[in-house]
Every structure is written in structure tokens, then in C-alpha cells.
Amino acid sequence: VAGGGTLGQGFARLMFTVTGLIFLPLGNAMPKLRRNGWVGVRTSWSLASDENWRKSQRAGGVVMMAGGAVLAVGNVFFVRTTEQSLWFSLGCMVLLVVVLLIATAAVSRESKKE
């Protein structure tokens, strides 16, 4: 199939770039969420009080916006092939989850010291 690889490569990069860009407004909206059981960083600690919820959503929003920016910028400027795009994006997503968990745990630990 002539040209199929080029279309697939462009589509994968575009898809992951758009995913990263979607994370930006989602991360920005997280600190504005009210405590609920459906959306946001929901841990037993964050659901325990409105103050805990606010702190965890702020940390989660920052991490989500940073991860989205890295995902979008990386796919636009640093990734050259479909395979690189897939591995880079998978790595970003895994790292995003790990950093989100660490940030939430750090906020929880810091609040318990207060």
C-alpha cells in the first residue's frame, strides 16, 4: 500500500499530540472540581475532607498539565516514527500515573504533619 506508512505515522503522532493537548484543560479543571466519587484524584484521604480534596486536585492538575505538555511537545518535536510515538506516549502515560500517585501521597503526608 503506497503511502500507508506515512499516513499511519502522521495519524499516531497527531493522535498522541491531541491527547496531550486534551490533558491541559482537564488538568486546569481539576482544582475546580467539588468533592465527588466519580471524577478527580479519588483516594480515601482525598475524599475524607474538602481541604484534602482541594489539595489533591491541585497537585493532580499540575501533574496532568505537565504530562500533557510533555506528551504533546514530545510528539511534535522529538518523535520521528510511529514506533517512537507509541513508546514515547506509553512511557509518558505510565510516568504520568506514577508521578500522580507520588504527588498525591506527598500532599497527603505533608497534610498529616500539619
Protein backbone atom coordinates (compact mmCIF):
# COMPACT_ATOMS: atom_id res chain seq x y z
CA VAL A 1 0.00 0.00 0.00
CA ALA A 2 1.79 3.09 -1.21
CA GLY A 3 1.90 5.90 1.31
CA GLY A 4 0.11 3.90 4.04
CA GLY A 5 3.05 4.13 6.41
CA THR A 6 3.22 7.91 6.12
CA LEU A 7 -0.48 8.32 6.89
CA GLY A 8 -0.24 5.94 9.87
CA GLN A 9 2.84 7.73 11.21
CA GLY A 10 1.20 11.11 10.92
CA PHE A 11 -2.00 9.86 12.49
CA ALA A 12 -0.28 8.30 15.52
CA ARG A 13 1.69 11.47 16.20
CA LEU A 14 -1.42 13.59 15.73
CA MET A 15 -3.49 11.35 18.00
CA PHE A 16 -0.97 11.47 20.85
CA THR A 17 -0.38 15.19 20.40
CA VAL A 18 -4.11 15.85 20.65
CA THR A 19 -4.31 13.57 23.71
CA GLY A 20 -1.60 15.65 25.36
CA LEU A 21 -3.41 18.86 24.46
CA ILE A 22 -6.65 17.49 25.96
CA PHE A 23 -4.81 16.88 29.24
CA LEU A 24 -4.10 20.63 29.54
CA PRO A 25 -7.70 21.83 30.09
CA LEU A 26 -8.52 18.70 32.08
CA GLY A 27 -5.62 19.39 34.43
CA ASN A 28 -6.66 23.01 34.66
CA ALA A 29 -10.22 21.98 35.59
CA MET A 30 -9.20 19.50 38.30
CA PRO A 31 -8.64 22.05 41.10
CA LYS A 32 -12.11 23.46 40.42
CA LEU A 33 -13.88 20.12 40.96
CA ARG A 34 -16.05 19.64 44.00
CA ARG A 35 -15.56 16.51 46.06
CA ASN A 36 -17.31 13.60 44.35
CA GLY A 37 -16.97 9.87 43.81
CA TRP A 38 -16.66 9.97 40.01
CA VAL A 39 -14.06 12.42 38.71
CA GLY A 40 -10.67 13.53 40.03
CA VAL A 41 -7.90 12.07 42.15
CA ARG A 42 -10.03 9.89 44.40
CA THR A 43 -8.23 8.30 47.29
CA SER A 44 -9.57 7.59 50.76
CA TRP A 45 -7.50 10.53 52.00
CA SER A 46 -8.72 12.98 49.35
CA LEU A 47 -12.36 12.02 49.90
CA ALA A 48 -12.05 12.47 53.69
CA SER A 49 -12.45 16.27 53.65
CA ASP A 50 -12.93 19.21 51.33
CA GLU A 51 -9.46 20.54 52.21
CA ASN A 52 -7.82 17.21 51.34
CA TRP A 53 -9.82 17.10 48.12
CA ARG A 54 -8.69 20.61 47.15
CA LYS A 55 -5.02 19.84 47.80
CA SER A 56 -5.05 16.54 45.91
CA GLN A 57 -6.87 18.02 42.91
CA ARG A 58 -4.41 20.92 42.73
CA ALA A 59 -1.44 18.51 42.76
CA GLY A 60 -3.16 16.21 40.27
CA GLY A 61 -4.00 19.11 37.96
CA VAL A 62 -0.40 20.31 37.86
CA VAL A 63 0.86 16.80 37.11
CA MET A 64 -1.78 16.29 34.40
CA MET A 65 -0.99 19.60 32.71
CA ALA A 66 2.76 18.95 32.81
CA GLY A 67 2.28 15.42 31.45
CA GLY A 68 0.02 16.68 28.69
CA ALA A 69 2.53 19.33 27.68
CA VAL A 70 5.38 16.79 27.58
CA LEU A 71 3.24 14.36 25.57
CA ALA A 72 2.18 17.00 23.02
CA VAL A 73 5.55 18.72 22.64
CA GLY A 74 7.44 15.43 22.50
CA ASN A 75 5.25 14.05 19.74
CA VAL A 76 5.52 17.24 17.71
CA PHE A 77 9.24 17.95 18.01
CA PHE A 78 11.12 14.83 19.12
CA VAL A 79 9.32 11.76 17.75
CA ARG A 80 10.03 10.73 14.17
CA THR A 81 8.37 7.33 13.64
CA THR A 82 5.13 5.62 14.61
CA GLU A 83 7.02 3.19 16.83
CA GLN A 84 8.80 6.03 18.62
CA SER A 85 5.48 7.81 19.08
CA LEU A 86 3.87 4.74 20.60
CA TRP A 87 6.75 4.04 23.01
CA PHE A 88 7.21 7.68 23.95
CA SER A 89 3.48 8.13 24.58
CA LEU A 90 3.20 4.91 26.56
CA GLY A 91 6.16 5.98 28.67
CA CYS A 92 4.59 9.40 29.25
CA MET A 93 1.29 7.84 30.34
CA VAL A 94 2.97 5.41 32.76
CA LEU A 95 5.15 8.20 34.14
CA LEU A 96 2.09 10.44 34.47
CA VAL A 97 0.30 7.85 36.62
CA VAL A 98 3.39 7.20 38.77
CA VAL A 99 4.05 10.91 39.34
CA LEU A 100 0.36 11.49 40.07
CA LEU A 101 0.43 8.78 42.74
CA ILE A 102 3.65 10.15 44.24
CA ALA A 103 2.34 13.74 44.23
CA THR A 104 -0.91 12.72 45.91
CA ALA A 105 0.96 10.67 48.52
CA ALA A 106 3.32 13.60 49.18
CA VAL A 107 0.41 16.02 49.64
CA SER A 108 -1.27 13.52 51.95
CA ARG A 109 1.87 13.03 54.00
CA GLU A 110 2.52 16.78 54.23
CA SER A 111 -1.04 17.43 55.41
CA LYS A 112 -0.76 14.79 58.11
CA LYS A 113 2.30 16.62 59.51
CA GLU A 114 0.30 19.85 59.92
